[in-house]
Amino acid sequence: MEIHRVFGIDGNTLSGAIFVLINLGILAFVLSKVLYKPVLKFLSERTARINAQLENAKNDEKDAAALKVEYETKLKDIANERDEILAKARKEAESNKLSMLEDAKAEADAIKARAMKNMEMEQERVQDEMRKNIIDLSSVMAQKFVMRTIDDEMQDSLFNEVIAELDHASFKSTRAKVG
């Protein structure tokens, strides 16, 4: 008896293909019900986390700008205070006798040295604070930039390159020790 085939497909192949398509449809349906919501939840949480990090970076930038303004204001105040103290010391020195003039001059020099030392210490402290804030802000911005620019494939590629270089370097150092 002769079997009729459509496009060279027999009944077993056709029934197997239909069975595979039905299984594929069931699998797709089950996976969409099981995985869709968790993946969607993960993506929305990640978006919220990234938005929060961006907001924190903006706040850190504003804080750094405020600290800079505060630092500049303090420097101006210290300079004005120093100038006021020096002017006062000069007026007192002019009104006193020659012996009092020497004492006032020594006191003014000591006050000036303290003011300069305080100004330098304050300046160093504020500069250190600004450096730390700028470093923190830069690291957050770099992290966000790297997170946005490096996808999984690029990350895997970079990882494989580093491993290959380490293997190559290890091979060279092993040959140098043996030779």
Protein backbone atom coordinates (compact mmCIF):
# COMPACT_ATOMS: atom_id res chain seq x y z
CA MET A 1 0.00 0.00 0.00
CA GLU A 2 1.30 3.40 -0.94
CA ILE A 3 1.50 6.21 1.69
CA HIS A 4 0.50 9.65 0.49
CA ARG A 5 2.83 12.43 1.53
CA VAL A 6 2.25 16.18 1.41
CA PHE A 7 5.48 18.01 0.53
CA GLY A 8 7.42 14.91 1.39
CA ILE A 9 6.11 14.81 4.99
CA ASP A 10 4.59 11.61 6.28
CA GLY A 11 1.91 11.32 9.01
CA ASN A 12 4.37 10.62 11.85
CA THR A 13 6.48 13.71 11.05
CA LEU A 14 3.38 15.89 10.79
CA SER A 15 1.90 14.61 14.10
CA GLY A 16 5.31 15.05 15.81
CA ALA A 17 5.53 18.62 14.55
CA ILE A 18 2.02 19.39 15.81
CA PHE A 19 2.89 17.85 19.18
CA VAL A 20 6.07 19.99 19.43
CA LEU A 21 4.11 23.16 18.53
CA ILE A 22 1.48 22.41 21.19
CA ASN A 23 4.21 21.78 23.80
CA LEU A 24 5.95 24.97 22.76
CA GLY A 25 2.72 26.92 23.16
CA ILE A 26 2.08 25.43 26.61
CA LEU A 27 5.68 26.14 27.68
CA ALA A 28 5.44 29.74 26.45
CA PHE A 29 2.17 30.24 28.32
CA VAL A 30 3.52 28.77 31.58
CA LEU A 31 6.77 30.74 31.40
CA SER A 32 4.91 33.98 30.70
CA LYS A 33 2.74 33.39 33.77
CA VAL A 34 5.64 32.30 36.00
CA LEU A 35 8.46 34.62 34.85
CA TYR A 36 6.80 37.73 33.45
CA LYS A 37 5.74 39.32 36.75
CA PRO A 38 9.03 38.66 38.63
CA VAL A 39 11.09 40.00 35.74
CA LEU A 40 8.82 43.03 35.46
CA LYS A 41 9.10 43.59 39.22
CA PHE A 42 12.90 43.26 39.07
CA LEU A 43 13.12 45.80 36.25
CA SER A 44 10.86 48.31 38.03
CA GLU A 45 12.89 47.96 41.25
CA ARG A 46 16.11 48.45 39.32
CA THR A 47 14.68 51.56 37.66
CA ALA A 48 13.65 52.94 41.05
CA ARG A 49 17.09 52.16 42.48
CA ILE A 50 18.85 53.91 39.59
CA ASN A 51 16.56 56.93 39.92
CA ALA A 52 17.33 57.10 43.65
CA GLN A 53 21.06 56.96 42.93
CA LEU A 54 20.72 59.75 40.39
CA GLU A 55 18.82 61.84 42.91
CA ASN A 56 21.51 61.17 45.53
CA ALA A 57 24.17 62.24 43.06
CA LYS A 58 22.29 65.48 42.39
CA ASN A 59 21.97 66.10 46.13
CA ASP A 60 25.66 65.37 46.64
CA GLU A 61 26.52 67.81 43.88
CA LYS A 62 24.33 70.48 45.49
CA ASP A 63 25.95 69.80 48.87
CA ALA A 64 29.41 70.11 47.33
CA ALA A 65 28.45 73.44 45.76
CA ALA A 66 27.08 74.66 49.09
CA LEU A 67 30.28 73.60 50.86
CA LYS A 68 32.33 75.46 48.28
CA VAL A 69 30.29 78.64 48.81
CA GLU A 70 30.60 78.21 52.59
CA TYR A 71 34.35 77.70 52.26
CA GLU A 72 34.75 80.86 50.17
CA THR A 73 32.62 82.84 52.62
CA LYS A 74 34.71 81.63 55.55
CA LEU A 75 37.89 82.59 53.74
CA LYS A 76 36.54 86.10 53.13
CA ASP A 77 35.41 86.39 56.76
CA ILE A 78 38.81 85.25 58.00
CA ALA A 79 40.55 87.76 55.73
CA ASN A 80 38.22 90.55 56.92
CA GLU A 81 38.71 89.54 60.54
CA ARG A 82 42.46 89.49 60.05
CA ASP A 83 42.34 92.95 58.46
CA GLU A 84 40.16 94.28 61.30
CA ILE A 85 42.49 92.86 63.94
CA LEU A 86 45.52 94.36 62.20
CA ALA A 87 43.84 97.77 61.86
CA LYS A 88 42.86 97.75 65.53
CA ALA A 89 46.37 96.80 66.56
CA ARG A 90 47.80 99.65 64.45
CA LYS A 91 45.44 102.24 65.99
CA GLU A 92 46.32 101.14 69.52
CA ALA A 93 50.00 101.20 68.68
CA GLU A 94 49.76 104.79 67.38
CA SER A 95 48.01 106.02 70.52
CA ASN A 96 50.52 104.50 72.95
CA LYS A 97 54.08 105.45 73.72
CA LEU A 98 57.09 103.85 72.06
CA SER A 99 57.29 101.06 74.64
CA MET A 100 53.62 100.25 74.18
CA LEU A 101 54.19 100.32 70.42
CA GLU A 102 56.62 97.40 70.62
CA ASP A 103 54.24 95.35 72.80
CA ALA A 104 51.30 96.01 70.46
CA LYS A 105 53.38 95.11 67.44
CA ALA A 106 54.38 91.79 69.01
CA GLU A 107 50.75 91.08 69.91
CA ALA A 108 49.59 91.95 66.39
CA ASP A 109 52.18 89.64 64.90
CA ALA A 110 51.08 86.81 67.19
CA ILE A 111 47.42 87.42 66.31
CA LYS A 112 48.30 87.53 62.63
CA ALA A 113 50.23 84.27 62.89
CA ARG A 114 47.33 82.60 64.71
CA ALA A 115 44.85 83.95 62.19
CA MET A 116 46.99 82.75 59.30
CA LYS A 117 47.48 79.36 60.97
CA ASN A 118 43.74 79.10 61.65
CA MET A 119 43.00 80.18 58.12
CA GLU A 120 45.42 77.62 56.69
CA MET A 121 44.04 74.86 58.93
CA GLU A 122 40.46 75.76 58.01
CA GLN A 123 41.42 75.97 54.35
CA GLU A 124 43.07 72.53 54.47
CA ARG A 125 40.10 71.02 56.30
CA VAL A 126 37.61 72.44 53.82
CA GLN A 127 39.78 71.37 50.87
CA ASP A 128 39.97 67.83 52.29
CA GLU A 129 36.22 67.82 52.78
CA MET A 130 35.68 69.04 49.23
CA ARG A 131 38.08 66.42 47.86
CA LYS A 132 36.21 63.67 49.68
CA ASN A 133 32.87 64.93 48.41
CA ILE A 134 34.18 65.27 44.86
CA ILE A 135 35.68 61.77 45.03
CA ASP A 136 32.41 60.33 46.32
CA LEU A 137 30.45 62.14 43.64
CA SER A 138 32.89 61.10 40.93
CA SER A 139 32.79 57.47 41.99
CA VAL A 140 29.00 57.47 41.98
CA MET A 141 28.94 59.11 38.55
CA ALA A 142 31.58 56.71 37.22
CA GLN A 143 29.66 53.75 38.61
CA LYS A 144 26.48 54.95 36.95
CA PHE A 145 28.31 55.62 33.68
CA VAL A 146 29.88 52.16 33.74
CA MET A 147 26.55 50.55 34.66
CA ARG A 148 24.91 52.23 31.67
CA THR A 149 27.68 51.66 29.13
CA ILE A 150 28.84 48.12 29.84
CA ASP A 151 26.35 45.41 28.94
CA ASP A 152 26.74 41.72 29.81
CA GLU A 153 28.44 40.83 26.53
CA MET A 154 31.02 43.60 26.89
CA GLN A 155 31.60 42.63 30.52
CA ASP A 156 32.14 38.97 29.52
CA SER A 157 34.47 40.05 26.71
CA LEU A 158 36.57 42.22 29.06
CA PHE A 159 36.66 39.41 31.61
CA ASN A 160 37.86 36.90 29.01
CA GLU A 161 40.56 39.33 27.81
CA VAL A 162 41.87 39.79 31.35
CA ILE A 163 41.88 36.04 31.98
CA ALA A 164 43.77 35.47 28.71
CA GLU A 165 46.34 38.12 29.64
CA LEU A 166 46.76 36.61 33.10
CA ASP A 167 47.20 33.14 31.61
CA HIS A 168 49.75 34.50 29.15
CA ALA A 169 51.63 36.38 31.92
CA SER A 170 51.52 33.29 34.13
CA PHE A 171 52.87 31.17 31.28
CA LYS A 172 55.75 33.63 30.71
CA SER A 173 56.66 33.75 34.39
CA THR A 174 56.54 29.92 34.59
CA ARG A 175 58.85 29.65 31.54
CA ALA A 176 61.24 32.23 33.04
CA LYS A 177 61.44 30.23 36.30
CA VAL A 178 62.01 26.94 34.46
CA GLY A 179 64.56 28.41 31.99
